[in-house]
């Protein structure tokens, strides 16, 4: 235990997970937003005073608050108002069409109908919906529905007409428009989706702030005190920066945010640079800053579930074959990476298939120079799902971080087997191997691609079990302690913040989640039913399920109940 002056603001007693190295403690004291002391009950109890708020864990467990290192917070928040087509609720084409038609009945004629989250592999038809099917259900509105991966979407005829897309519209670089028998099916892949998305009216600043707050409330209720928006500008351009700043100014930003600018040529990174936005993290994080503008994102390929992740070896012929889609040729990708690297941004680059990982890794290596070394920059390969031992060694040598989504194995694992075969699926997202080799894999969800529920992600890491019960690569399963480490400390490390949060040690920010059960001692299946009872950010309650900390002096305490 280590402690300064007494008079703690908050005292937790019970089972407390300090972190992978620190193990467990019996009590924790908080003062002025930071951990004052942690240790045995006898050591910490004397730091409490008459005004100290006390929380008895009573069989529960306290952990460092979760850090959502790779999600899309604003799109997630905006998506809460879109038609929910996720496989948990929608498994038939009729249900897809019924939900879209219901939304159209409440929307003025000509207004856009947007749906998110369908999985063609889970639908009864075993394929993507067709434009003509969307037309029958919604004849008087433009429609765009996005597959759960976010890399494939289907538009109806009205949407394609508004976008000026016809059967002879050429495929854009890094994208594909599906045609059968010379006719459009409505399916758009990768960068071709911009043809439709670019004509959808952008949300207002007020609506974006509402979405940021709504998303933050949901995350706080799940135990998150830190999160990310991994492609700022993808929906509304530079206006998203203003929306985040307004949310912060109005006290409606609940999480500490790691902001990653959209860096594709159609993104905002170049315009943001011209407007004077600079990385504010790599030279040393501001401890209490809620908005860290630290990185730029470029897409290397697509998704393995959508058959657009780029591989050296082809997908199974039974799944459709092919080797996926590169978003850019090597020269373009490497030039983008060099530009953003030399500007001082961390590179957070999307690559799932081994061929895309190779393109991105080679581009990062090519950007290395005496004037601009990559050592210490903590460049990241987002997803990094299917890679080889040699690629892992090069990443470790250069300090390039994998930022995986273990929940992909839960939601998409059986589709990986169908598309790539069992052997390749079993070694995907090798969490244990990464840890054993010395990597720091920052577990995350890519929400709204997958559920943001951290307990499903933890279950996936501990069991390697899919939502259909298939165990894929059991040797890559983690202990609960390792899984929480990946979802807390590793996320903070990927954001240059491990000296501030990610563990519950003296001096660290008091970002704490109190869980409804001890996930370190229960059966793995019980993890799925776990909830966050209390979430603190800097010692302030941003979520309080049972009203335990409602009396804490905090402007956020009542706002997130």
Protein backbone atom coordinates (compact mmCIF):
# COMPACT_ATOMS: atom_id res chain seq x y z
CA UNK A 1 0.00 0.00 0.00
CA UNK A 2 1.03 3.59 -0.61
CA UNK A 3 -0.89 6.64 0.57
CA UNK A 4 -0.68 10.34 1.05
CA UNK A 5 -2.87 12.44 3.37
CA UNK A 6 -6.04 10.93 4.86
CA UNK A 7 -9.65 12.00 4.48
CA UNK A 8 -10.60 9.79 1.57
CA UNK A 9 -13.61 10.82 -0.55
CA UNK A 10 -14.57 7.21 -1.23
CA UNK A 11 -13.74 3.84 0.34
CA UNK A 12 -14.38 0.50 -1.37
CA UNK A 13 -14.13 -2.68 0.68
CA UNK A 14 -14.27 -6.21 -0.71
CA UNK A 15 -12.50 -7.89 -3.62
CA UNK A 16 -10.60 -5.44 -5.82
CA UNK A 17 -8.61 -6.33 -8.94
CA UNK A 18 -5.69 -3.94 -9.09
CA UNK A 19 -4.37 -5.22 -12.42
CA UNK A 20 -2.53 -8.18 -13.90
CA UNK A 21 0.67 -7.46 -11.96
CA UNK A 22 -0.90 -6.14 -8.77
CA UNK A 23 -3.42 -8.91 -8.28
CA UNK A 24 -6.18 -8.48 -5.71
CA UNK A 25 -6.70 -6.23 -2.69
CA UNK A 26 -9.28 -5.88 0.09
CA UNK A 27 -9.85 -2.14 0.09
CA UNK A 28 -9.32 0.97 -1.99
CA UNK A 29 -9.50 4.65 -1.08
CA UNK A 30 -10.11 7.51 -3.51
CA UNK A 31 -9.32 11.18 -3.02
CA UNK A 32 -9.54 14.06 -5.48
CA UNK A 33 -10.30 11.76 -8.38
CA UNK A 34 -7.33 9.44 -7.92
CA UNK A 35 -6.54 6.24 -6.08
CA UNK A 36 -5.22 7.29 -2.69
CA UNK A 37 -4.40 3.82 -1.41
CA UNK A 38 -5.08 0.17 -2.10
CA UNK A 39 -4.24 -2.82 0.07
CA UNK A 40 -5.61 -4.74 3.02
CA UNK A 41 -8.67 -3.49 4.86
CA UNK A 42 -6.54 -2.79 7.92
CA UNK A 43 -4.13 -0.66 5.88
CA UNK A 44 -6.73 1.40 4.03
CA UNK A 45 -9.51 1.82 6.63
CA UNK A 46 -7.66 4.50 8.68
CA UNK A 47 -7.77 6.81 5.62
CA UNK A 48 -11.54 7.16 5.90
CA UNK A 49 -13.09 10.11 7.68
CA UNK A 50 -16.54 11.22 8.70
CA UNK A 51 -17.35 12.50 5.21
CA UNK A 52 -16.01 9.45 3.33
CA UNK A 53 -18.56 7.67 1.16
CA UNK A 54 -18.36 3.91 1.60
CA UNK A 55 -19.28 1.11 -0.79
CA UNK A 56 -19.28 -2.50 0.42
CA UNK A 57 -18.72 -4.80 -2.53
CA UNK A 58 -20.51 -7.63 -0.70
CA UNK A 59 -19.35 -10.49 -2.90
CA UNK A 60 -18.96 -8.39 -6.03
CA UNK A 61 -15.67 -7.26 -7.55
CA UNK A 62 -14.18 -3.88 -8.47
CA UNK A 63 -11.89 -3.60 -11.50
CA UNK A 64 -10.27 -0.80 -13.49
CA UNK A 65 -13.03 0.66 -15.66
CA UNK A 66 -13.19 -0.80 -19.14
CA UNK A 67 -11.49 1.03 -22.02
CA UNK A 68 -13.20 0.64 -25.41
CA UNK A 69 -10.08 1.02 -27.55
CA UNK A 70 -11.77 0.53 -30.93
CA UNK A 71 -15.37 1.53 -31.48
CA UNK A 72 -17.27 4.23 -33.38
CA UNK A 73 -19.01 6.15 -30.62
CA UNK A 74 -20.86 8.75 -32.70
CA UNK A 75 -22.08 6.24 -35.33
CA UNK A 76 -23.11 3.93 -32.48
CA UNK A 77 -25.09 6.76 -30.91
CA UNK A 78 -26.68 7.76 -34.22
CA UNK A 79 -27.42 4.12 -34.93
CA UNK A 80 -29.59 3.89 -31.83
CA UNK A 81 -32.23 5.73 -33.90
CA UNK A 82 -31.76 3.53 -37.00
CA UNK A 83 -33.60 0.30 -37.78
CA UNK A 84 -32.02 -2.47 -35.72
CA UNK A 85 -31.33 -5.48 -37.95
CA UNK A 86 -28.80 -7.28 -35.74
CA UNK A 87 -28.91 -11.07 -35.72
CA UNK A 88 -29.91 -11.24 -32.07
CA UNK A 89 -33.35 -10.04 -33.18
CA UNK A 90 -33.51 -10.45 -36.96
CA UNK A 91 -32.94 -13.79 -38.65
CA UNK A 92 -35.33 -13.76 -41.61
CA UNK A 93 -35.69 -11.65 -44.72
CA UNK A 94 -39.35 -11.08 -43.85
CA UNK A 95 -38.34 -9.54 -40.52
CA UNK A 96 -35.78 -7.29 -42.23
CA UNK A 97 -38.43 -6.05 -44.65
CA UNK A 98 -41.10 -5.73 -41.95
CA UNK A 99 -38.89 -3.52 -39.79
CA UNK A 100 -37.93 -1.31 -42.73
CA UNK A 101 -41.58 -0.95 -43.77
CA UNK A 102 -42.57 -0.02 -40.21
CA UNK A 103 -39.91 2.69 -40.14
CA UNK A 104 -41.10 4.02 -43.51
CA UNK A 105 -44.66 4.37 -42.23
CA UNK A 106 -43.40 6.87 -39.67
CA UNK A 107 -41.16 8.78 -42.10
CA UNK A 108 -42.32 11.42 -44.59
CA UNK A 109 -42.25 10.23 -48.19
CA UNK A 110 -38.76 10.61 -49.65
CA UNK A 111 -37.03 10.54 -46.27
CA UNK A 112 -34.15 8.14 -45.80
CA UNK A 113 -34.63 4.76 -44.11
CA UNK A 114 -31.37 3.50 -42.63
CA UNK A 115 -30.84 0.06 -41.13
CA UNK A 116 -27.79 -1.38 -39.42
CA UNK A 117 -26.45 -4.75 -38.40
CA UNK A 118 -27.95 -7.46 -40.61
CA UNK A 119 -25.83 -10.58 -41.10
CA UNK A 120 -26.57 -12.42 -44.32
CA UNK A 121 -24.99 -15.55 -42.89
CA UNK A 122 -27.60 -15.60 -40.15
CA UNK A 123 -30.61 -14.80 -42.35
CA UNK A 124 -32.90 -17.62 -43.48
CA UNK A 125 -32.10 -16.83 -47.12
CA UNK A 126 -28.32 -17.19 -46.58
CA UNK A 127 -27.56 -14.17 -48.77
CA UNK A 128 -27.77 -10.39 -48.85
CA UNK A 129 -31.19 -8.85 -49.43
CA UNK A 130 -31.73 -7.55 -52.96
CA UNK A 131 -32.66 -4.03 -54.06
CA UNK A 132 -35.89 -5.30 -55.58
CA UNK A 133 -36.88 -6.86 -52.26
CA UNK A 134 -36.23 -3.58 -50.47
CA UNK A 135 -38.25 -1.81 -53.19
CA UNK A 136 -41.32 -3.95 -52.53
CA UNK A 137 -41.19 -3.27 -48.79
CA UNK A 138 -40.32 0.44 -49.03
CA UNK A 139 -41.36 1.81 -52.42
CA UNK A 140 -41.46 5.53 -51.56
CA UNK A 141 -38.22 6.10 -49.62
CA UNK A 142 -34.51 5.68 -50.32
CA UNK A 143 -33.13 2.81 -48.23
CA UNK A 144 -29.63 1.79 -47.20
CA UNK A 145 -28.99 -1.15 -44.89
CA UNK A 146 -25.47 -1.89 -43.68
CA UNK A 147 -24.14 -5.34 -42.88
CA UNK A 148 -22.92 -5.86 -39.33
CA UNK A 149 -19.27 -5.59 -40.41
CA UNK A 150 -19.80 -2.09 -41.82
CA UNK A 151 -17.97 -2.99 -45.04
CA UNK A 152 -20.97 -4.04 -47.15
CA UNK A 153 -24.33 -2.34 -47.66
CA UNK A 154 -27.47 -2.80 -49.76
CA UNK A 155 -29.37 0.11 -51.31
CA UNK A 156 -32.80 0.11 -52.92
CA UNK A 157 -33.52 1.49 -56.36
CA UNK A 158 -34.62 4.91 -55.07
CA UNK A 159 -31.31 5.35 -53.24
CA UNK A 160 -29.29 4.33 -56.29
CA UNK A 161 -31.23 6.73 -58.52
CA UNK A 162 -30.59 9.60 -56.11
CA UNK A 163 -26.89 8.73 -56.18
CA UNK A 164 -26.81 8.53 -59.98
CA UNK A 165 -25.69 4.89 -59.90
CA UNK A 166 -26.64 2.81 -62.92
CA UNK A 167 -25.69 -0.58 -64.31
CA UNK A 168 -22.72 0.96 -66.15
CA UNK A 169 -21.33 2.99 -63.23
CA UNK A 170 -17.68 1.90 -62.88
CA UNK A 171 -16.39 0.38 -59.65
CA UNK A 172 -14.46 2.98 -57.66
CA UNK A 173 -10.91 2.26 -56.51
CA UNK A 174 -11.03 -0.05 -53.52
CA UNK A 175 -14.71 -0.88 -53.91
CA UNK A 176 -17.18 -2.97 -55.90
CA UNK A 177 -20.77 -2.61 -57.10
CA UNK A 178 -22.40 -6.01 -57.55
CA UNK A 179 -24.17 -6.82 -60.79
CA UNK A 180 -25.87 -9.99 -61.91
CA UNK A 181 -26.84 -10.46 -65.51
CA UNK A 182 -25.96 -6.83 -66.13
CA UNK A 183 -28.38 -5.62 -63.44
CA UNK A 184 -27.61 -3.96 -60.13
CA UNK A 185 -28.38 -6.08 -57.09
CA UNK A 186 -28.06 -3.14 -54.71
CA UNK A 187 -24.92 -4.54 -53.01
CA UNK A 188 -22.06 -2.08 -52.48
CA UNK A 189 -18.71 -3.18 -51.04
CA UNK A 190 -16.02 -1.15 -49.30
CA UNK A 191 -15.33 2.29 -50.82
CA UNK A 192 -18.22 1.88 -53.26
CA UNK A 193 -20.54 2.50 -50.32
CA UNK A 194 -19.51 6.16 -50.42
CA UNK A 195 -21.52 6.56 -53.62
CA UNK A 196 -24.67 6.19 -51.53
CA UNK A 197 -23.53 7.45 -48.16
CA UNK A 198 -22.24 10.73 -49.52
CA UNK A 199 -25.75 11.82 -50.55
CA UNK A 200 -27.42 11.02 -47.20
CA UNK A 201 -28.06 14.30 -45.37
CA UNK A 202 -25.60 14.82 -42.52
CA UNK A 203 -27.03 15.01 -39.00
CA UNK A 204 -27.17 18.40 -37.32
CA UNK A 205 -24.69 19.34 -34.61
CA UNK A 206 -27.44 19.15 -31.98
CA UNK A 207 -28.41 15.66 -33.10
CA UNK A 208 -24.77 14.55 -32.99
CA UNK A 209 -24.34 15.87 -29.45
CA UNK A 210 -27.49 14.01 -28.41
CA UNK A 211 -26.05 10.85 -30.00
CA UNK A 212 -22.70 11.28 -28.24
CA UNK A 213 -24.46 11.62 -24.91
CA UNK A 214 -26.80 8.66 -25.55
CA UNK A 215 -23.87 6.45 -26.52
CA UNK A 216 -21.94 7.57 -23.45
CA UNK A 217 -24.84 6.71 -21.15
CA UNK A 218 -25.01 3.20 -22.58
CA UNK A 219 -21.26 2.71 -22.22
CA UNK A 220 -21.23 4.02 -18.66
CA UNK A 221 -23.95 1.49 -17.81
CA UNK A 222 -21.58 -1.24 -19.03
CA UNK A 223 -18.55 -0.15 -17.00
CA UNK A 224 -16.68 2.03 -19.53
CA UNK A 225 -14.91 5.20 -18.42
CA UNK A 226 -12.83 5.46 -21.63
CA UNK A 227 -13.83 4.97 -25.25
CA UNK A 228 -12.90 5.91 -28.80
CA UNK A 229 -14.28 7.13 -32.07
CA UNK A 230 -12.22 5.34 -34.65
CA UNK A 231 -13.10 7.31 -37.78
CA UNK A 232 -14.09 10.83 -36.81
CA UNK A 233 -15.51 12.57 -39.86
CA UNK A 234 -16.93 9.49 -41.56
CA UNK A 235 -20.52 10.70 -41.14
CA UNK A 236 -20.54 14.50 -41.06
CA UNK A 237 -17.02 15.67 -41.85
CA UNK A 238 -15.34 18.36 -39.77
CA UNK A 239 -18.66 19.10 -38.06
CA UNK A 240 -18.05 16.03 -35.88
CA UNK A 241 -15.09 17.75 -34.23
CA UNK A 242 -17.33 20.66 -33.28
CA UNK A 243 -19.98 18.27 -31.96
CA UNK A 244 -17.50 16.53 -29.67
CA UNK A 245 -16.17 19.84 -28.39
CA UNK A 246 -19.71 21.02 -27.69
CA UNK A 247 -20.53 17.77 -25.89
CA UNK A 248 -17.47 18.27 -23.69
CA UNK A 249 -18.28 21.93 -23.02
CA UNK A 250 -21.85 21.08 -22.03
CA UNK A 251 -20.81 18.27 -19.68
CA UNK A 252 -22.42 15.64 -21.90
CA UNK A 253 -19.26 13.70 -22.73
CA UNK A 254 -19.12 10.86 -20.21
CA UNK A 255 -16.02 8.92 -21.31
CA UNK A 256 -12.40 9.91 -21.83
CA UNK A 257 -12.26 9.82 -25.62
CA UNK A 258 -9.45 8.70 -27.93
CA UNK A 259 -10.27 10.40 -31.23
CA UNK A 260 -9.02 8.94 -34.51
CA UNK A 261 -9.47 11.06 -37.62
CA UNK A 262 -10.75 9.59 -40.87
CA UNK A 263 -7.64 9.52 -43.04
CA UNK A 264 -8.77 8.02 -46.34
CA UNK A 265 -8.68 10.58 -49.16
CA UNK A 266 -12.40 11.14 -48.60
CA UNK A 267 -11.77 11.62 -44.87
CA UNK A 268 -11.07 14.78 -42.86
CA UNK A 269 -7.45 14.33 -41.76
CA UNK A 270 -6.02 16.67 -44.39
CA UNK A 271 -8.67 19.37 -43.80
CA UNK A 272 -8.28 19.06 -40.02
CA UNK A 273 -4.52 19.52 -40.37
CA UNK A 274 -5.03 22.62 -42.52
CA UNK A 275 -7.43 23.93 -39.86
CA UNK A 276 -4.70 23.60 -37.24
CA UNK A 277 -5.66 20.40 -35.43
CA UNK A 278 -2.57 18.63 -34.10
CA UNK A 279 -1.92 15.46 -32.09
CA UNK A 280 -2.21 16.37 -28.42
CA UNK A 281 -1.09 13.07 -26.92
CA UNK A 282 2.21 11.70 -28.20
CA UNK A 283 4.26 14.37 -26.41
CA UNK A 284 2.55 13.41 -23.14
CA UNK A 285 -1.15 13.11 -22.33
CA UNK A 286 -3.03 15.78 -20.44
CA UNK A 287 -4.16 13.82 -17.42
CA UNK A 288 -7.73 15.10 -17.20
CA UNK A 289 -8.39 15.80 -20.88
CA UNK A 290 -11.58 14.16 -22.12
CA UNK A 291 -10.74 14.64 -25.80
CA UNK A 292 -7.41 13.33 -27.05
CA UNK A 293 -6.81 13.84 -30.77
CA UNK A 294 -4.09 11.28 -31.21
CA UNK A 295 -4.35 9.26 -34.40
CA UNK A 296 -5.43 8.87 -38.01
CA UNK A 297 -7.16 5.86 -39.55
CA UNK A 298 -6.85 4.44 -43.05
CA UNK A 299 -8.69 1.36 -44.33
CA UNK A 300 -6.51 -1.38 -45.79
CA UNK A 301 -9.17 -3.98 -46.57
CA UNK A 302 -12.64 -5.15 -45.55
CA UNK A 303 -14.06 -7.96 -43.44
CA UNK A 304 -13.56 -11.72 -43.45
CA UNK A 305 -17.27 -12.28 -42.91
CA UNK A 306 -18.10 -10.09 -45.89
CA UNK A 307 -15.44 -11.76 -48.11
CA UNK A 308 -13.61 -8.44 -48.54
CA UNK A 309 -10.65 -8.86 -46.15
CA UNK A 310 -7.52 -9.23 -48.29
CA UNK A 311 -5.71 -12.59 -48.05
CA UNK A 312 -2.80 -14.24 -49.79
CA UNK A 313 -4.72 -17.53 -49.98
CA UNK A 314 -8.26 -17.43 -51.35
CA UNK A 315 -11.51 -17.90 -49.52
CA UNK A 316 -13.06 -21.35 -49.91
CA UNK A 317 -14.66 -21.89 -53.29
CA UNK A 318 -17.85 -22.93 -51.53
CA UNK A 319 -17.97 -19.45 -49.97
CA UNK A 320 -17.37 -17.63 -53.24
CA UNK A 321 -13.60 -17.74 -53.61
CA UNK A 322 -11.46 -14.72 -54.35
CA UNK A 323 -8.85 -13.06 -52.16
CA UNK A 324 -10.77 -9.99 -50.97
CA UNK A 325 -10.34 -6.28 -51.69
CA UNK A 326 -7.45 -3.90 -51.08
CA UNK A 327 -8.79 -0.41 -50.49
CA UNK A 328 -5.65 1.11 -52.06
CA UNK A 329 -2.67 -0.05 -54.10
CA UNK A 330 0.62 -0.28 -52.20
CA UNK A 331 1.97 3.06 -53.42
CA UNK A 332 -1.12 4.98 -52.30
CA UNK A 333 -1.31 3.27 -48.94
CA UNK A 334 2.38 3.76 -48.20
CA UNK A 335 2.21 7.45 -49.17
CA UNK A 336 -0.75 8.02 -46.85
CA UNK A 337 1.00 6.30 -43.96
CA UNK A 338 4.20 8.27 -44.47
CA UNK A 339 2.31 11.58 -44.55
CA UNK A 340 0.41 10.96 -41.33
CA UNK A 341 3.44 9.44 -39.61
CA UNK A 342 5.61 12.45 -40.42
CA UNK A 343 2.88 14.80 -39.20
CA UNK A 344 3.17 13.13 -35.81
CA UNK A 345 -0.05 11.13 -35.73
CA UNK A 346 -0.27 7.64 -34.39
CA UNK A 347 -1.29 5.34 -37.26
CA UNK A 348 -4.43 3.29 -36.44
CA UNK A 349 -4.79 1.31 -39.66
CA UNK A 350 -7.54 -1.19 -40.48
CA UNK A 351 -6.22 -4.52 -41.77
CA UNK A 352 -7.81 -7.93 -41.19
CA UNK A 353 -6.45 -10.35 -43.79
CA UNK A 354 -2.79 -11.35 -43.90
CA UNK A 355 -2.21 -9.68 -47.28
CA UNK A 356 -3.63 -6.36 -46.01
CA UNK A 357 -1.63 -6.68 -42.79
CA UNK A 358 1.49 -7.13 -44.91
CA UNK A 359 0.71 -4.04 -46.98
CA UNK A 360 0.15 -1.93 -43.85
CA UNK A 361 3.11 -3.33 -41.93
CA UNK A 362 5.41 -2.76 -44.90
CA UNK A 363 4.09 0.79 -45.22
CA UNK A 364 4.80 1.54 -41.56
CA UNK A 365 8.31 0.12 -41.92
CA UNK A 366 8.88 2.19 -45.07
CA UNK A 367 7.87 5.36 -43.17
CA UNK A 368 10.64 4.78 -40.62
CA UNK A 369 13.53 7.22 -40.90
CA UNK A 370 16.19 8.88 -38.79
CA UNK A 371 14.17 12.08 -38.80
CA UNK A 372 10.89 10.31 -38.07
CA UNK A 373 11.55 6.97 -36.33
CA UNK A 374 8.61 4.67 -35.69
CA UNK A 375 10.13 3.47 -32.41
CA UNK A 376 7.96 4.62 -29.54
CA UNK A 377 5.11 5.80 -31.75
CA UNK A 378 2.87 2.84 -30.88
CA UNK A 379 1.39 2.62 -34.34
CA UNK A 380 -1.56 0.24 -34.36
CA UNK A 381 -2.96 -2.33 -36.74
CA UNK A 382 -6.68 -2.40 -36.07
CA UNK A 383 -8.31 -5.85 -36.02
CA UNK A 384 -5.15 -7.65 -37.18
CA UNK A 385 -7.14 -10.86 -37.20
CA UNK A 386 -5.32 -13.25 -39.53
CA UNK A 387 -1.56 -12.84 -39.43
CA UNK A 388 1.58 -14.95 -39.50
CA UNK A 389 4.36 -15.49 -36.98
CA UNK A 390 6.80 -13.46 -39.06
CA UNK A 391 4.42 -10.52 -39.12
CA UNK A 392 3.98 -10.76 -35.35
CA UNK A 393 7.77 -10.69 -34.88
CA UNK A 394 8.10 -7.57 -37.01
CA UNK A 395 5.29 -5.84 -35.13
CA UNK A 396 6.93 -6.63 -31.80
CA UNK A 397 10.32 -5.41 -33.03
CA UNK A 398 8.88 -2.05 -34.07
CA UNK A 399 6.45 -1.65 -31.18
CA UNK A 400 3.44 -1.84 -33.51
CA UNK A 401 0.35 -2.83 -31.55
CA UNK A 402 -2.47 -5.21 -32.47
CA UNK A 403 -5.92 -3.87 -31.58
CA UNK A 404 -8.20 -6.92 -31.93
CA UNK A 405 -11.88 -7.58 -31.33
CA UNK A 406 -12.17 -10.97 -29.61
CA UNK A 407 -15.96 -10.66 -29.83
CA UNK A 408 -15.56 -11.22 -33.58
CA UNK A 409 -14.87 -14.86 -32.74
CA UNK A 410 -18.14 -15.00 -30.78
CA UNK A 411 -20.30 -13.32 -33.41
CA UNK A 412 -18.55 -14.32 -36.64
CA UNK A 413 -16.44 -17.37 -35.78
CA UNK A 414 -18.70 -19.89 -37.49
CA UNK A 415 -18.79 -17.71 -40.59
CA UNK A 416 -14.98 -17.66 -40.57
CA UNK A 417 -15.04 -21.46 -40.66
CA UNK A 418 -17.50 -21.35 -43.57
CA UNK A 419 -15.49 -18.75 -45.50
CA UNK A 420 -11.90 -19.75 -44.69
CA UNK A 421 -11.97 -23.26 -43.24
CA UNK A 422 -11.44 -24.54 -39.72
CA UNK A 423 -7.62 -24.38 -39.71
CA UNK A 424 -7.48 -20.68 -40.55
CA UNK A 425 -10.38 -19.79 -38.24
CA UNK A 426 -8.81 -21.46 -35.21
CA UNK A 427 -5.72 -19.25 -35.25
CA UNK A 428 -7.60 -15.97 -35.81
CA UNK A 429 -7.23 -13.23 -33.18
CA UNK A 430 -4.53 -15.11 -31.22
CA UNK A 431 -4.93 -13.36 -27.86
CA UNK A 432 -2.84 -15.72 -25.74
CA UNK A 433 -0.04 -15.91 -28.29
CA UNK A 434 0.12 -12.13 -28.42
CA UNK A 435 0.40 -11.87 -24.65
CA UNK A 436 2.99 -14.62 -24.39
CA UNK A 437 5.13 -13.00 -27.09
CA UNK A 438 5.06 -9.63 -25.34
CA UNK A 439 2.46 -7.77 -27.38
CA UNK A 440 -0.21 -5.63 -25.73
CA UNK A 441 -3.46 -6.51 -27.54
CA UNK A 442 -6.12 -3.91 -26.71
CA UNK A 443 -9.37 -5.87 -26.69
CA UNK A 444 -12.32 -3.95 -28.10
CA UNK A 445 -15.65 -4.40 -29.91
CA UNK A 446 -15.67 -2.27 -33.08
CA UNK A 447 -19.24 -1.36 -32.07
CA UNK A 448 -21.64 -0.91 -33.80
CA UNK A 449 -20.12 -3.72 -35.86
CA UNK A 450 -20.48 -5.98 -32.81
CA UNK A 451 -22.16 -5.60 -29.47
CA UNK A 452 -20.39 -3.19 -27.13
CA UNK A 453 -21.29 -5.43 -24.17
CA UNK A 454 -17.89 -6.10 -22.53
CA UNK A 455 -19.06 -9.25 -20.80
CA UNK A 456 -19.66 -11.02 -24.11
CA UNK A 457 -16.16 -9.96 -25.14
CA UNK A 458 -14.68 -11.26 -21.87
CA UNK A 459 -16.56 -14.54 -22.29
CA UNK A 460 -15.16 -14.87 -25.80
CA UNK A 461 -11.60 -14.33 -24.56
CA UNK A 462 -11.98 -16.84 -21.73
CA UNK A 463 -13.72 -19.58 -23.74
CA UNK A 464 -13.02 -19.00 -27.47
CA UNK A 465 -16.62 -20.12 -27.93
CA UNK A 466 -18.87 -18.75 -30.69
CA UNK A 467 -22.51 -17.81 -30.22
CA UNK A 468 -23.37 -21.22 -31.70
CA UNK A 469 -21.21 -23.03 -29.16
CA UNK A 470 -18.24 -23.84 -31.42
CA UNK A 471 -14.85 -23.67 -29.70
CA UNK A 472 -12.24 -22.22 -32.05
CA UNK A 473 -8.59 -22.33 -31.00
CA UNK A 474 -8.97 -23.33 -27.35
CA UNK A 475 -5.21 -22.86 -26.87
CA UNK A 476 -5.75 -19.09 -27.34
CA UNK A 477 -8.16 -18.80 -24.38
CA UNK A 478 -7.18 -16.39 -21.59
CA UNK A 479 -7.66 -16.37 -17.86
CA UNK A 480 -10.23 -13.84 -16.60
CA UNK A 481 -7.35 -11.77 -15.21
CA UNK A 482 -5.64 -11.68 -18.60
CA UNK A 483 -8.91 -10.84 -20.36
CA UNK A 484 -9.60 -7.87 -18.06
CA UNK A 485 -5.98 -6.74 -18.52
CA UNK A 486 -6.52 -6.67 -22.29
CA UNK A 487 -9.74 -4.67 -21.87
CA UNK A 488 -8.25 -2.14 -19.46
CA UNK A 489 -4.46 -1.68 -19.28
CA UNK A 490 -3.78 -2.62 -22.90
CA UNK A 491 -6.34 -0.09 -24.10
CA UNK A 492 -4.78 2.63 -21.95
CA UNK A 493 -1.32 1.68 -23.26
CA UNK A 494 -2.52 1.95 -26.86
CA UNK A 495 -3.54 5.54 -26.04
CA UNK A 496 -0.32 6.53 -24.22
CA UNK A 497 -2.28 6.60 -20.94
CA UNK A 498 -1.07 3.57 -18.98
CA UNK A 499 0.55 5.86 -16.39
CA UNK A 500 -2.88 7.39 -15.75
CA UNK A 501 -5.40 4.54 -15.96
CA UNK A 502 -5.84 0.86 -16.66
CA UNK A 503 -4.83 -0.31 -13.17
CA UNK A 504 -5.98 0.55 -9.66
CA UNK A 505 -2.73 1.56 -8.05
CA UNK A 506 -1.97 4.62 -5.90
CA UNK A 507 -1.85 7.79 -7.96
CA UNK A 508 -3.87 6.40 -10.87
CA UNK A 509 -7.10 8.02 -12.01
CA UNK A 510 -10.02 6.51 -10.09
CA UNK A 511 -11.70 5.03 -13.15
CA UNK A 512 -13.43 2.05 -11.54
CA UNK A 513 -16.17 -0.40 -12.47
CA UNK A 514 -17.98 -2.39 -9.80
CA UNK A 515 -19.38 -5.57 -11.33
CA UNK A 516 -22.46 -7.44 -10.16
CA UNK A 517 -20.52 -10.66 -9.57
CA UNK A 518 -16.93 -11.81 -9.14
CA UNK A 519 -16.05 -12.71 -12.71
CA UNK A 520 -12.70 -14.11 -11.55
CA UNK A 521 -14.37 -16.85 -9.50
CA UNK A 522 -17.58 -17.71 -11.39
CA UNK A 523 -18.25 -20.16 -14.21
CA UNK A 524 -17.52 -18.67 -17.65
CA UNK A 525 -21.21 -18.79 -18.59
CA UNK A 526 -22.03 -16.55 -15.63
CA UNK A 527 -19.85 -13.81 -17.10
CA UNK A 528 -22.50 -13.34 -19.80
CA UNK A 529 -25.10 -12.42 -17.17
CA UNK A 530 -22.84 -9.95 -15.34
CA UNK A 531 -23.65 -6.23 -15.17
CA UNK A 532 -21.87 -3.09 -14.09
CA UNK A 533 -23.44 -1.79 -10.88
CA UNK A 534 -21.31 1.34 -10.54
CA UNK A 535 -18.97 3.15 -12.91
CA UNK A 536 -16.64 5.90 -11.75
CA UNK A 537 -14.64 8.27 -13.92
CA UNK A 538 -12.07 10.13 -11.88
CA UNK A 539 -13.89 9.16 -8.70
CA UNK A 540 -17.21 10.54 -9.95
CA UNK A 541 -20.13 8.22 -10.51
CA UNK A 542 -21.19 8.29 -14.14
CA UNK A 543 -23.46 5.27 -13.64
CA UNK A 544 -25.14 4.09 -10.45
CA UNK A 545 -27.52 1.17 -11.04
CA UNK A 546 -28.76 0.84 -7.45
CA UNK A 547 -28.27 4.37 -6.16
CA UNK A 548 -25.35 3.37 -3.95
CA UNK A 549 -23.26 6.41 -4.76
CA UNK A 550 -26.06 8.86 -5.55
CA UNK A 551 -24.96 11.11 -2.71
CA UNK A 552 -21.48 11.61 -4.16
CA UNK A 553 -20.79 15.25 -4.93
CA UNK A 554 -20.60 14.97 -8.70
CA UNK A 555 -22.23 16.89 -11.54
CA UNK A 556 -22.34 13.61 -13.46
CA UNK A 557 -23.73 11.37 -10.76
CA UNK A 558 -27.39 12.12 -11.38
CA UNK A 559 -27.05 12.52 -15.15
CA UNK A 560 -26.19 8.88 -15.83
CA UNK A 561 -28.38 7.02 -13.32
